[in-house]
C-alpha atoms as a PDB file:
ATOM      1  CA  MET A   1     125.563 129.371 191.381  1.00  0.00           C
ATOM      2  CA  THR A   2     122.687 127.123 192.471  1.00  0.00           C
ATOM      3  CA  VAL A   3     123.052 123.440 193.293  1.00  0.00           C
ATOM      4  CA  LEU A   4     121.161 122.409 190.141  1.00  0.00           C
ATOM      5  CA  SER A   5     123.286 124.603 187.909  1.00  0.00           C
ATOM      6  CA  ARG A   6     126.441 123.226 189.514  1.00  0.00           C
ATOM      7  CA  ARG A   7     125.280 119.675 188.862  1.00  0.00           C
ATOM      8  CA  ALA A   8     124.448 120.544 185.245  1.00  0.00           C
ATOM      9  CA  ALA A   9     127.853 122.139 184.790  1.00  0.00           C
ATOM     10  CA  THR A  10     129.569 119.110 186.330  1.00  0.00           C
ATOM     11  CA  THR A  11     127.659 116.729 184.060  1.00  0.00           C
ATOM     12  CA  GLN A  12     128.554 118.808 181.023  1.00  0.00           C
ATOM     13  CA  ARG A  13     132.232 118.814 181.987  1.00  0.00           C
ATOM     14  CA  GLU A  14     132.197 115.040 182.468  1.00  0.00           C
ATOM     15  CA  ARG A  15     130.699 114.567 179.017  1.00  0.00           C
ATOM     16  CA  MET A  16     133.308 116.855 177.528  1.00  0.00           C
ATOM     17  CA  SER A  17     136.037 114.960 179.386  1.00  0.00           C
ATOM     18  CA  ARG A  18     134.823 111.610 178.052  1.00  0.00           C
ATOM     19  CA  ALA A  19     134.645 113.022 174.530  1.00  0.00           C
ATOM     20  CA  ILE A  20     138.201 114.325 174.794  1.00  0.00           C
ATOM     21  CA  TRP A  21     139.463 110.972 176.088  1.00  0.00           C
ATOM     22  CA  LEU A  22     137.697 109.202 173.202  1.00  0.00           C
ATOM     23  CA  VAL A  23     139.189 111.520 170.593  1.00  0.00           C
ATOM     24  CA  LEU A  24     142.682 111.292 172.049  1.00  0.00           C
ATOM     25  CA  LEU A  25     142.505 107.499 172.297  1.00  0.00           C
ATOM     26  CA  GLY A  26     141.196 107.230 168.747  1.00  0.00           C
ATOM     27  CA  LEU A  27     143.927 109.474 167.313  1.00  0.00           C
ATOM     28  CA  LEU A  28     146.612 107.602 169.234  1.00  0.00           C
ATOM     29  CA  LEU A  29     145.441 104.221 167.955  1.00  0.00           C
ATOM     30  CA  LEU A  30     145.203 105.484 164.382  1.00  0.00           C
ATOM     31  CA  VAL A  31     148.873 106.482 164.322  1.00  0.00           C
ATOM     32  CA  LEU A  32     150.154 103.746 166.645  1.00  0.00           C
ATOM     33  CA  PRO A  33     151.727 101.569 163.878  1.00  0.00           C
ATOM     34  CA  ARG A  34     153.879 104.562 162.979  1.00  0.00           C
ATOM     35  CA  LEU A  35     155.081 104.931 166.558  1.00  0.00           C
ATOM     36  CA  VAL A  36     155.862 101.258 167.247  1.00  0.00           C
ATOM     37  CA  TYR A  37     156.151  98.232 164.990  1.00  0.00           C
ATOM     38  CA  PRO A  38     152.744  96.925 163.828  1.00  0.00           C
ATOM     39  CA  VAL A  39     152.840  93.570 165.664  1.00  0.00           C
ATOM     40  CA  LEU A  40     153.369  95.319 169.013  1.00  0.00           C
ATOM     41  CA  ALA A  41     150.658  97.823 168.110  1.00  0.00           C
ATOM     42  CA  LEU A  42     148.271  94.948 167.392  1.00  0.00           C
ATOM     43  CA  ASP A  43     149.173  93.362 170.722  1.00  0.00           C
ATOM     44  CA  ILE A  44     148.218  96.624 172.442  1.00  0.00           C
ATOM     45  CA  LEU A  45     144.823  96.518 170.726  1.00  0.00           C
ATOM     46  CA  ALA A  46     144.160  92.883 171.667  1.00  0.00           C
ATOM     47  CA  TRP A  47     145.324  93.213 175.267  1.00  0.00           C
ATOM     48  CA  GLY A  48     143.622  96.605 175.575  1.00  0.00           C
ATOM     49  CA  LEU A  49     140.246  95.144 174.617  1.00  0.00           C
ATOM     50  CA  PHE A  50     140.913  92.181 176.915  1.00  0.00           C
ATOM     51  CA  ALA A  51     141.522  94.619 179.790  1.00  0.00           C
ATOM     52  CA  VAL A  52     138.342  96.552 178.929  1.00  0.00           C
ATOM     53  CA  ALA A  53     136.414  93.263 179.066  1.00  0.00           C
ATOM     54  CA  PHE A  54     137.907  92.523 182.482  1.00  0.00           C
ATOM     55  CA  ASP A  55     137.095  96.043 183.691  1.00  0.00           C
ATOM     56  CA  LEU A  56     133.423  95.487 182.832  1.00  0.00           C
ATOM     57  CA  LEU A  57     133.374  92.569 185.227  1.00  0.00           C
ATOM     58  CA  PHE A  58     135.673  93.833 187.964  1.00  0.00           C
ATOM     59  CA  GLY A  59     135.269  97.595 187.895  1.00  0.00           C
ATOM     60  CA  PHE A  60     131.583  97.892 187.056  1.00  0.00           C
ATOM     61  CA  SER A  61     130.264  94.614 188.500  1.00  0.00           C
ATOM     62  CA  GLY A  62     132.610  94.138 191.450  1.00  0.00           C
ATOM     63  CA  LEU A  63     133.517  90.571 190.423  1.00  0.00           C
ATOM     64  CA  LEU A  64     137.235  89.738 190.496  1.00  0.00           C
ATOM     65  CA  SER A  65     137.878  86.952 188.003  1.00  0.00           C
ATOM     66  CA  PHE A  66     141.152  85.026 188.084  1.00  0.00           C
ATOM     67  CA  GLY A  67     140.122  82.921 185.094  1.00  0.00           C
ATOM     68  CA  HIS A  68     139.477  85.297 182.201  1.00  0.00           C
ATOM     69  CA  ALA A  69     142.308  83.669 180.272  1.00  0.00           C
ATOM     70  CA  ALA A  70     139.895  80.779 179.656  1.00  0.00           C
ATOM     71  CA  PHE A  71     137.799  82.965 177.335  1.00  0.00           C
ATOM     72  CA  TRP A  72     140.753  84.729 175.729  1.00  0.00           C
ATOM     73  CA  GLY A  73     142.558  81.434 175.146  1.00  0.00           C
ATOM     74  CA  SER A  74     139.601  79.309 174.028  1.00  0.00           C
ATOM     75  CA  SER A  75     138.698  81.928 171.448  1.00  0.00           C
ATOM     76  CA  ALA A  76     142.298  82.135 170.220  1.00  0.00           C
ATOM     77  CA  TYR A  77     142.435  78.357 169.820  1.00  0.00           C
ATOM     78  CA  ALA A  78     139.056  78.235 168.056  1.00  0.00           C
ATOM     79  CA  THR A  79     140.099  81.000 165.646  1.00  0.00           C
ATOM     80  CA  ALA A  80     143.402  79.290 164.876  1.00  0.00           C
ATOM     81  CA  PHE A  81     141.696  75.903 164.441  1.00  0.00           C
ATOM     82  CA  LEU A  82     139.138  77.296 161.989  1.00  0.00           C
ATOM     83  CA  LEU A  83     141.803  79.131 159.991  1.00  0.00           C
ATOM     84  CA  SER A  84     143.977  76.012 159.836  1.00  0.00           C
ATOM     85  CA  HIS A  85     140.989  74.149 158.368  1.00  0.00           C
ATOM     86  CA  GLY A  86     140.448  76.597 155.538  1.00  0.00           C
ATOM     87  CA  GLN A  87     137.811  78.911 156.977  1.00  0.00           C
ATOM     88  CA  SER A  88     137.813  82.610 156.130  1.00  0.00           C
ATOM     89  CA  VAL A  89     139.007  85.219 158.603  1.00  0.00           C
ATOM     90  CA  PRO A  90     135.520  86.602 159.436  1.00  0.00           C
ATOM     91  CA  VAL A  91     134.174  83.082 160.065  1.00  0.00           C
ATOM     92  CA  ALA A  92     137.170  82.223 162.245  1.00  0.00           C
ATOM     93  CA  ILE A  93     136.851  85.393 164.335  1.00  0.00           C
ATOM     94  CA  VAL A  94     133.110  84.938 164.841  1.00  0.00           C
ATOM     95  CA  GLY A  95     133.717  81.274 165.657  1.00  0.00           C
ATOM     96  CA  GLY A  96     136.257  82.245 168.297  1.00  0.00           C
ATOM     97  CA  LEU A  97     133.876  84.756 169.873  1.00  0.00           C
ATOM     98  CA  LEU A  98     131.044  82.200 169.966  1.00  0.00           C
ATOM     99  CA  SER A  99     133.301  79.584 171.557  1.00  0.00           C
ATOM    100  CA  ALA A 100     134.113  82.015 174.379  1.00  0.00           C
ATOM    101  CA  LEU A 101     130.424  82.767 174.897  1.00  0.00           C
ATOM    102  CA  LEU A 102     129.495  79.075 174.965  1.00  0.00           C
ATOM    103  CA  LEU A 103     132.190  78.428 177.537  1.00  0.00           C
ATOM    104  CA  ALA A 104     131.049  81.407 179.589  1.00  0.00           C
ATOM    105  CA  VAL A 105     127.470  80.164 179.978  1.00  0.00           C
ATOM    106  CA  PRO A 106     128.165  77.265 182.393  1.00  0.00           C
ATOM    107  CA  ILE A 107     131.089  79.021 184.089  1.00  0.00           C
ATOM    108  CA  GLY A 108     129.101  82.197 184.651  1.00  0.00           C
ATOM    109  CA  PHE A 109     125.956  80.363 185.725  1.00  0.00           C
ATOM    110  CA  LEU A 110     127.858  78.543 188.461  1.00  0.00           C
ATOM    111  CA  SER A 111     130.304  81.249 189.524  1.00  0.00           C
ATOM    112  CA  VAL A 112     128.238  84.452 189.769  1.00  0.00           C
ATOM    113  CA  ARG A 113     126.144  82.870 192.513  1.00  0.00           C
ATOM    114  CA  SER A 114     129.239  83.216 194.704  1.00  0.00           C
ATOM    115  CA  VAL A 115     130.800  86.406 196.022  1.00  0.00           C
ATOM    116  CA  GLY A 116     134.239  87.677 196.954  1.00  0.00           C
ATOM    117  CA  ILE A 117     137.148  85.281 196.998  1.00  0.00           C
ATOM    118  CA  TYR A 118     134.844  82.320 196.353  1.00  0.00           C
ATOM    119  CA  PHE A 119     133.924  83.747 192.937  1.00  0.00           C
ATOM    120  CA  SER A 120     137.602  84.348 192.168  1.00  0.00           C
ATOM    121  CA  MET A 121     138.602  80.799 193.125  1.00  0.00           C
ATOM    122  CA  ILE A 122     135.796  79.224 191.092  1.00  0.00           C
ATOM    123  CA  THR A 123     136.803  81.135 187.961  1.00  0.00           C
ATOM    124  CA  LEU A 124     140.442  80.181 188.546  1.00  0.00           C
ATOM    125  CA  ALA A 125     139.477  76.516 188.901  1.00  0.00           C
ATOM    126  CA  PHE A 126     137.548  76.560 185.637  1.00  0.00           C
ATOM    127  CA  ALA A 127     140.457  78.275 183.890  1.00  0.00           C
ATOM    128  CA  GLN A 128     142.819  75.572 185.100  1.00  0.00           C
ATOM    129  CA  MET A 129     140.463  72.958 183.664  1.00  0.00           C
ATOM    130  CA  VAL A 130     140.549  74.725 180.299  1.00  0.00           C
ATOM    131  CA  SER A 131     144.345  74.898 180.466  1.00  0.00           C
ATOM    132  CA  PHE A 132     144.569  71.162 181.177  1.00  0.00           C
ATOM    133  CA  LEU A 133     142.181  70.423 178.318  1.00  0.00           C
ATOM    134  CA  ALA A 134     144.274  72.540 175.939  1.00  0.00           C
ATOM    135  CA  LEU A 135     147.363  70.556 176.923  1.00  0.00           C
ATOM    136  CA  GLN A 136     145.727  67.156 176.477  1.00  0.00           C
ATOM    137  CA  TRP A 137     143.470  67.702 173.457  1.00  0.00           C
ATOM    138  CA  THR A 138     146.335  67.624 170.969  1.00  0.00           C
ATOM    139  CA  ALA A 139     144.133  66.876 167.953  1.00  0.00           C
ATOM    140  CA  VAL A 140     142.543  70.324 168.282  1.00  0.00           C
ATOM    141  CA  THR A 141     145.051  72.464 170.185  1.00  0.00           C
ATOM    142  CA  GLY A 142     148.362  70.901 169.173  1.00  0.00           C
ATOM    143  CA  GLY A 143     149.222  70.312 172.837  1.00  0.00           C
ATOM    144  CA  GLU A 144     152.615  71.679 173.843  1.00  0.00           C
ATOM    145  CA  ASN A 145     153.396  72.606 170.224  1.00  0.00           C
ATOM    146  CA  GLY A 146     150.304  74.779 169.860  1.00  0.00           C
ATOM    147  CA  LEU A 147     148.848  75.828 166.508  1.00  0.00           C
ATOM    148  CA  GLN A 148     151.014  77.721 164.074  1.00  0.00           C
ATOM    149  CA  GLY A 149     151.564  78.391 160.423  1.00  0.00           C
ATOM    150  CA  PHE A 150     147.865  78.592 159.573  1.00  0.00           C
ATOM    151  CA  ALA A 151     146.775  80.618 156.552  1.00  0.00           C
ATOM    152  CA  ARG A 152     144.900  83.916 156.746  1.00  0.00           C
ATOM    153  CA  PRO A 153     143.195  84.117 153.330  1.00  0.00           C
ATOM    154  CA  SER A 154     142.504  87.520 151.850  1.00  0.00           C
ATOM    155  CA  VAL A 155     139.007  88.993 152.104  1.00  0.00           C
ATOM    156  CA  LEU A 156     137.668  91.808 149.902  1.00  0.00           C
ATOM    157  CA  GLY A 157     141.140  92.342 148.487  1.00  0.00           C
ATOM    158  CA  LEU A 158     142.747  92.841 151.908  1.00  0.00           C
ATOM    159  CA  ASP A 159     146.178  91.215 152.127  1.00  0.00           C
ATOM    160  CA  PHE A 160     146.388  89.758 155.638  1.00  0.00           C
ATOM    161  CA  SER A 161     150.019  88.795 155.177  1.00  0.00           C
ATOM    162  CA  ASN A 162     150.752  92.494 155.730  1.00  0.00           C
ATOM    163  CA  SER A 163     151.048  93.288 159.445  1.00  0.00           C
ATOM    164  CA  THR A 164     149.815  96.880 159.006  1.00  0.00           C
ATOM    165  CA  THR A 165     146.672  95.647 157.242  1.00  0.00           C
ATOM    166  CA  ARG A 166     146.048  93.199 160.074  1.00  0.00           C
ATOM    167  CA  TYR A 167     146.435  96.037 162.573  1.00  0.00           C
ATOM    168  CA  TYR A 168     143.767  98.232 160.992  1.00  0.00           C
ATOM    169  CA  VAL A 169     141.369  95.301 160.643  1.00  0.00           C
ATOM    170  CA  CYS A 170     141.860  94.634 164.353  1.00  0.00           C
ATOM    171  CA  LEU A 171     141.424  98.354 165.053  1.00  0.00           C
ATOM    172  CA  ALA A 172     137.943  98.138 163.532  1.00  0.00           C
ATOM    173  CA  LEU A 173     137.182  95.110 165.728  1.00  0.00           C
ATOM    174  CA  PHE A 174     138.564  96.937 168.764  1.00  0.00           C
ATOM    175  CA  ALA A 175     136.384  99.963 168.030  1.00  0.00           C
ATOM    176  CA  ALA A 176     133.290  97.755 167.796  1.00  0.00           C
ATOM    177  CA  GLY A 177     134.119  95.982 171.069  1.00  0.00           C
ATOM    178  CA  PHE A 178     134.946  99.226 172.863  1.00  0.00           C
ATOM    179  CA  LEU A 179     131.679 100.776 171.665  1.00  0.00           C
ATOM    180  CA  VAL A 180     129.732  97.819 173.087  1.00  0.00           C
ATOM    181  CA  ALA A 181     131.460  98.276 176.452  1.00  0.00           C
ATOM    182  CA  TYR A 182     130.984 102.060 176.403  1.00  0.00           C
ATOM    183  CA  ARG A 183     127.280 101.831 175.579  1.00  0.00           C
ATOM    184  CA  MET A 184     126.790  99.158 178.216  1.00  0.00           C
ATOM    185  CA  VAL A 185     128.201 101.176 181.115  1.00  0.00           C
ATOM    186  CA  ARG A 186     126.356 104.366 180.037  1.00  0.00           C
ATOM    187  CA  SER A 187     123.018 102.578 179.680  1.00  0.00           C
ATOM    188  CA  PRO A 188     120.384 101.994 182.389  1.00  0.00           C
ATOM    189  CA  PHE A 189     121.699  98.419 182.544  1.00  0.00           C
ATOM    190  CA  GLY A 190     125.156  99.716 183.422  1.00  0.00           C
ATOM    191  CA  GLN A 191     123.786 102.063 186.064  1.00  0.00           C
ATOM    192  CA  ALA A 192     121.809  99.216 187.647  1.00  0.00           C
ATOM    193  CA  LEU A 193     124.882  96.997 187.549  1.00  0.00           C
ATOM    194  CA  GLN A 194     126.888  99.594 189.468  1.00  0.00           C
ATOM    195  CA  ALA A 195     124.078  99.952 191.988  1.00  0.00           C
ATOM    196  CA  ILE A 196     124.219  96.194 192.586  1.00  0.00           C
ATOM    197  CA  ARG A 197     128.000  96.406 192.949  1.00  0.00           C
ATOM    198  CA  ASP A 198     127.736  99.167 195.555  1.00  0.00           C
ATOM    199  CA  ASN A 199     124.878  97.666 197.599  1.00  0.00           C
ATOM    200  CA  GLU A 200     123.379  94.410 196.387  1.00  0.00           C
ATOM    201  CA  GLN A 201     120.762  94.149 199.137  1.00  0.00           C
ATOM    202  CA  ARG A 202     119.458  97.645 198.525  1.00  0.00           C
ATOM    203  CA  ALA A 203     119.348  97.114 194.745  1.00  0.00           C
ATOM    204  CA  GLN A 204     117.445  93.880 195.245  1.00  0.00           C
ATOM    205  CA  SER A 205     114.965  95.578 197.542  1.00  0.00           C
ATOM    206  CA  ILE A 206     113.967  98.030 194.787  1.00  0.00           C
ATOM    207  CA  GLY A 207     113.366  95.292 192.238  1.00  0.00           C
ATOM    208  CA  TYR A 208     116.686  94.450 190.570  1.00  0.00           C
ATOM    209  CA  ASN A 209     117.684  90.816 190.100  1.00  0.00           C
ATOM    210  CA  PRO A 210     121.409  90.682 190.997  1.00  0.00           C
ATOM    211  CA  PHE A 211     122.006  87.247 189.454  1.00  0.00           C
ATOM    212  CA  ARG A 212     120.496  88.225 186.113  1.00  0.00           C
ATOM    213  CA  PHE A 213     122.476  91.452 185.881  1.00  0.00           C
ATOM    214  CA  LYS A 214     125.780  89.904 186.948  1.00  0.00           C
ATOM    215  CA  PHE A 215     125.312  86.878 184.693  1.00  0.00           C
ATOM    216  CA  THR A 216     124.601  89.136 181.701  1.00  0.00           C
ATOM    217  CA  ALA A 217     127.659  91.267 182.498  1.00  0.00           C
ATOM    218  CA  PHE A 218     129.722  88.089 182.785  1.00  0.00           C
ATOM    219  CA  LEU A 219     128.632  86.960 179.303  1.00  0.00           C
ATOM    220  CA  ILE A 220     129.341  90.363 177.751  1.00  0.00           C
ATOM    221  CA  SER A 221     132.755  90.479 179.411  1.00  0.00           C
ATOM    222  CA  ALA A 222     133.558  86.941 178.241  1.00  0.00           C
ATOM    223  CA  GLY A 223     132.409  87.768 174.702  1.00  0.00           C
ATOM    224  CA  LEU A 224     134.689  90.805 174.498  1.00  0.00           C
ATOM    225  CA  ALA A 225     137.554  88.759 175.960  1.00  0.00           C
ATOM    226  CA  GLY A 226     136.855  86.185 173.257  1.00  0.00           C
ATOM    227  CA  LEU A 227     136.924  88.846 170.542  1.00  0.00           C
ATOM    228  CA  SER A 228     140.282  90.077 171.813  1.00  0.00           C
ATOM    229  CA  GLY A 229     141.609  86.493 171.840  1.00  0.00           C
ATOM    230  CA  SER A 230     140.538  86.092 168.206  1.00  0.00           C
ATOM    231  CA  MET A 231     142.368  89.309 167.365  1.00  0.00           C
ATOM    232  CA  TYR A 232     145.495  87.970 169.060  1.00  0.00           C
ATOM    233  CA  ALA A 233     145.437  84.695 167.109  1.00  0.00           C
ATOM    234  CA  PHE A 234     144.709  86.473 163.834  1.00  0.00           C
ATOM    235  CA  GLY A 235     147.494  88.958 164.418  1.00  0.00           C
ATOM    236  CA  HIS A 236     150.228  86.534 165.486  1.00  0.00           C
ATOM    237  CA  GLY A 237     149.502  83.483 163.358  1.00  0.00           C
ATOM    238  CA  VAL A 238     150.429  81.236 166.292  1.00  0.00           C
ATOM    239  CA  VAL A 239     148.646  80.104 169.451  1.00  0.00           C
ATOM    240  CA  SER A 240     150.392  78.361 172.348  1.00  0.00           C
ATOM    241  CA  LEU A 241     149.487  77.155 175.826  1.00  0.00           C
ATOM    242  CA  GLU A 242     150.436  80.563 177.170  1.00  0.00           C
ATOM    243  CA  VAL A 243     147.043  81.961 176.099  1.00  0.00           C
ATOM    244  CA  VAL A 244     145.222  79.798 178.670  1.00  0.00           C
ATOM    245  CA  ASN A 245     147.852  80.033 181.390  1.00  0.00           C
ATOM    246  CA  TRP A 246     146.866  81.483 184.775  1.00  0.00           C
ATOM    247  CA  ARG A 247     149.574  84.137 184.367  1.00  0.00           C
ATOM    248  CA  THR A 248     147.586  85.599 181.462  1.00  0.00           C
ATOM    249  CA  SER A 249     144.667  86.205 183.830  1.00  0.00           C
ATOM    250  CA  GLY A 250     147.078  87.871 186.254  1.00  0.00           C
ATOM    251  CA  GLU A 251     148.544  90.144 183.599  1.00  0.00           C
ATOM    252  CA  VAL A 252     145.159  91.531 182.555  1.00  0.00           C
ATOM    253  CA  VAL A 253     144.401  92.288 186.220  1.00  0.00           C
ATOM    254  CA  MET A 254     147.656  94.257 186.470  1.00  0.00           C
ATOM    255  CA  MET A 255     146.963  96.168 183.235  1.00  0.00           C
ATOM    256  CA  THR A 256     143.483  97.154 184.382  1.00  0.00           C
ATOM    257  CA  LEU A 257     144.577  98.311 187.839  1.00  0.00           C
ATOM    258  CA  LEU A 258     147.536 100.205 186.398  1.00  0.00           C
ATOM    259  CA  GLY A 259     145.370 102.168 183.965  1.00  0.00           C
ATOM    260  CA  GLY A 260     142.409 102.615 186.306  1.00  0.00           C
ATOM    261  CA  THR A 261     139.194 100.662 186.809  1.00  0.00           C
ATOM    262  CA  THR A 262     135.721 102.006 185.886  1.00  0.00           C
ATOM    263  CA  THR A 263     137.313 104.315 183.303  1.00  0.00           C
ATOM    264  CA  LEU A 264     137.299 102.053 180.170  1.00  0.00           C
ATOM    265  CA  PHE A 265     140.093 104.234 178.781  1.00  0.00           C
ATOM    266  CA  GLY A 266     142.424 103.323 181.616  1.00  0.00           C
ATOM    267  CA  PRO A 267     142.717  99.579 180.874  1.00  0.00           C
ATOM    268  CA  VAL A 268     143.764 100.347 177.289  1.00  0.00           C
ATOM    269  CA  ILE A 269     146.437 102.770 178.518  1.00  0.00           C
ATOM    270  CA  GLY A 270     147.535 100.258 181.154  1.00  0.00           C
ATOM    271  CA  ALA A 271     147.854  97.491 178.558  1.00  0.00           C
ATOM    272  CA  GLY A 272     149.882  99.753 176.295  1.00  0.00           C
ATOM    273  CA  LEU A 273     152.255 100.778 179.088  1.00  0.00           C
ATOM    274  CA  VAL A 274     152.846  97.202 180.246  1.00  0.00           C
ATOM    275  CA  LEU A 275     153.511  95.916 176.721  1.00  0.00           C
ATOM    276  CA  LEU A 276     155.767  98.847 175.795  1.00  0.00           C
ATOM    277  CA  LEU A 277     157.712  98.457 179.035  1.00  0.00           C
ATOM    278  CA  ARG A 278     158.056  94.723 178.472  1.00  0.00           C
ATOM    279  CA  ASP A 279     159.317  95.259 174.924  1.00  0.00           C
ATOM    280  CA  LEU A 280     161.805  97.897 176.085  1.00  0.00           C
ATOM    281  CA  LEU A 281     163.117  95.715 178.915  1.00  0.00           C
ATOM    282  CA  THR A 282     163.440  92.666 176.678  1.00  0.00           C
ATOM    283  CA  THR A 283     165.398  94.686 174.111  1.00  0.00           C
ATOM    284  CA  ALA A 284     167.689  96.028 176.848  1.00  0.00           C
ATOM    285  CA  ASN A 285     168.104  92.506 178.307  1.00  0.00           C
ATOM    286  CA  LEU A 286     166.774  93.608 181.716  1.00  0.00           C
ATOM    287  CA  PRO A 287     164.685  91.499 184.163  1.00  0.00           C
ATOM    288  CA  VAL A 288     161.131  92.028 182.900  1.00  0.00           C
ATOM    289  CA  GLY A 289     159.293  90.534 185.881  1.00  0.00           C
ATOM    290  CA  ILE A 290     161.203  92.505 188.527  1.00  0.00           C
ATOM    291  CA  VAL A 291     160.901  95.890 186.825  1.00  0.00           C
ATOM    292  CA  THR A 292     157.242  95.550 185.824  1.00  0.00           C
ATOM    293  CA  GLY A 293     156.404  94.324 189.323  1.00  0.00           C
ATOM    294  CA  LEU A 294     158.164  97.341 190.835  1.00  0.00           C
ATOM    295  CA  VAL A 295     156.311  99.714 188.501  1.00  0.00           C
ATOM    296  CA  PHE A 296     153.005  98.107 189.448  1.00  0.00           C
ATOM    297  CA  VAL A 297     153.745  98.423 193.183  1.00  0.00           C
ATOM    298  CA  LEU A 298     154.655 102.100 192.794  1.00  0.00           C
ATOM    299  CA  ALA A 299     151.512 102.744 190.743  1.00  0.00           C
ATOM    300  CA  VAL A 300     149.314 101.110 193.388  1.00  0.00           C
ATOM    301  CA  LEU A 301     150.986 103.124 196.168  1.00  0.00           C
ATOM    302  CA  PHE A 302     150.900 106.535 194.480  1.00  0.00           C
ATOM    303  CA  PHE A 303     148.079 106.208 191.927  1.00  0.00           C
ATOM    304  CA  ARG A 304     145.412 104.289 193.841  1.00  0.00           C
ATOM    305  CA  ALA A 305     142.768 104.926 191.184  1.00  0.00           C
ATOM    306  CA  GLY A 306     145.176 104.010 188.386  1.00  0.00           C
ATOM    307  CA  LEU A 307     146.891 106.457 186.076  1.00  0.00           C
ATOM    308  CA  VAL A 308     143.819 107.585 184.146  1.00  0.00           C
ATOM    309  CA  GLY A 309     141.570 107.404 187.190  1.00  0.00           C
ATOM    310  CA  THR A 310     143.936 109.616 189.188  1.00  0.00           C
ATOM    311  CA  VAL A 311     144.116 112.199 186.397  1.00  0.00           C
ATOM    312  CA  GLN A 312     140.319 112.263 186.106  1.00  0.00           C
ATOM    313  CA  HIS A 313     139.960 112.656 189.881  1.00  0.00           C
ATOM    314  CA  TRP A 314     142.450 115.524 189.894  1.00  0.00           C
ATOM    315  CA  LEU A 315     140.607 117.286 187.051  1.00  0.00           C
ATOM    316  CA  ARG A 316     137.229 116.886 188.791  1.00  0.00           C
ATOM    317  CA  ARG A 317     138.620 118.277 192.022  1.00  0.00           C
ATOM    318  CA  LYS A 318     140.173 121.236 190.204  1.00  0.00           C
ATOM    319  CA  SER A 319     136.844 121.979 188.478  1.00  0.00           C
ATOM    320  CA  ALA A 320     135.018 121.804 191.821  1.00  0.00           C
ATOM    321  CA  ASP A 321     137.491 124.246 193.348  1.00  0.00           C
ATOM    322  CA  ASP A 322     136.999 126.630 190.412  1.00  0.00           C
ATOM    323  CA  ASP A 323     133.212 126.484 190.862  1.00  0.00           C
ATOM    324  CA  ARG A 324     133.485 127.382 194.541  1.00  0.00           C
ATOM    325  CA  HIS A 325     135.548 130.414 193.675  1.00  0.00           C
END
């Protein structure tokens, strides 16, 4: 087999692998409310999309944000505020997404000019500002009491008081957000973004503008994080200070690393595993933080590319061995 034919075969297998992952993920999410209770299933969708948004920034852009809870939380608050003031569900969700994007413009403009730990610290500082604002701006956020008990009026005959109905509405939103992320990383923009991540100086020397690409990726990531925050508020009917807490930013980092960065599928799987484990441990009255921390440490030690990333690497290596024989 020639080198060109081997490359063509490898590309074809990778496309088939992505298609299989997409089909399996889609089937799993379609039946998820039958496997777990609908509110937990909706949480998996919201956190899964949040982790995908983070993966766009960290995995494909090389930017480690410790402040993504600012976009998730600001969108959740905006959605809850609009619903509590009589707006329809579509308007509230779009309003939440736009609020995250508006917040991301100044944060991204200032932060993406930095690299490494400096970028991480700047995003964390901005997130802490948002958290402080949420605590103090009681007229909008409810302060320590949060926002709760807001109505979710029916649209097109859909009864949003039913948790299963809310899940499938959020599944449609998740699919739209995931498609945006998938198309982005498979586009020339995504390829250029990864080239900048791998070697910024070399990418700049051939004509790419690193700031423009990273800033655009930051906005897309923040927008998807905002959409997931809107889904969370819509699904739960309550928003508290926890949504803008720094621990929320830490949890999405853990979910993404557990599932596998630069896979898109991995963060969703990682979010599902963390939430299912947390629910199981809470039901069994076991220490959630200790056990989940131990699982994360073991995953990092033995699955360095994450669970999905490790499986994909193993399958690629097995295919390469088959080609040689």
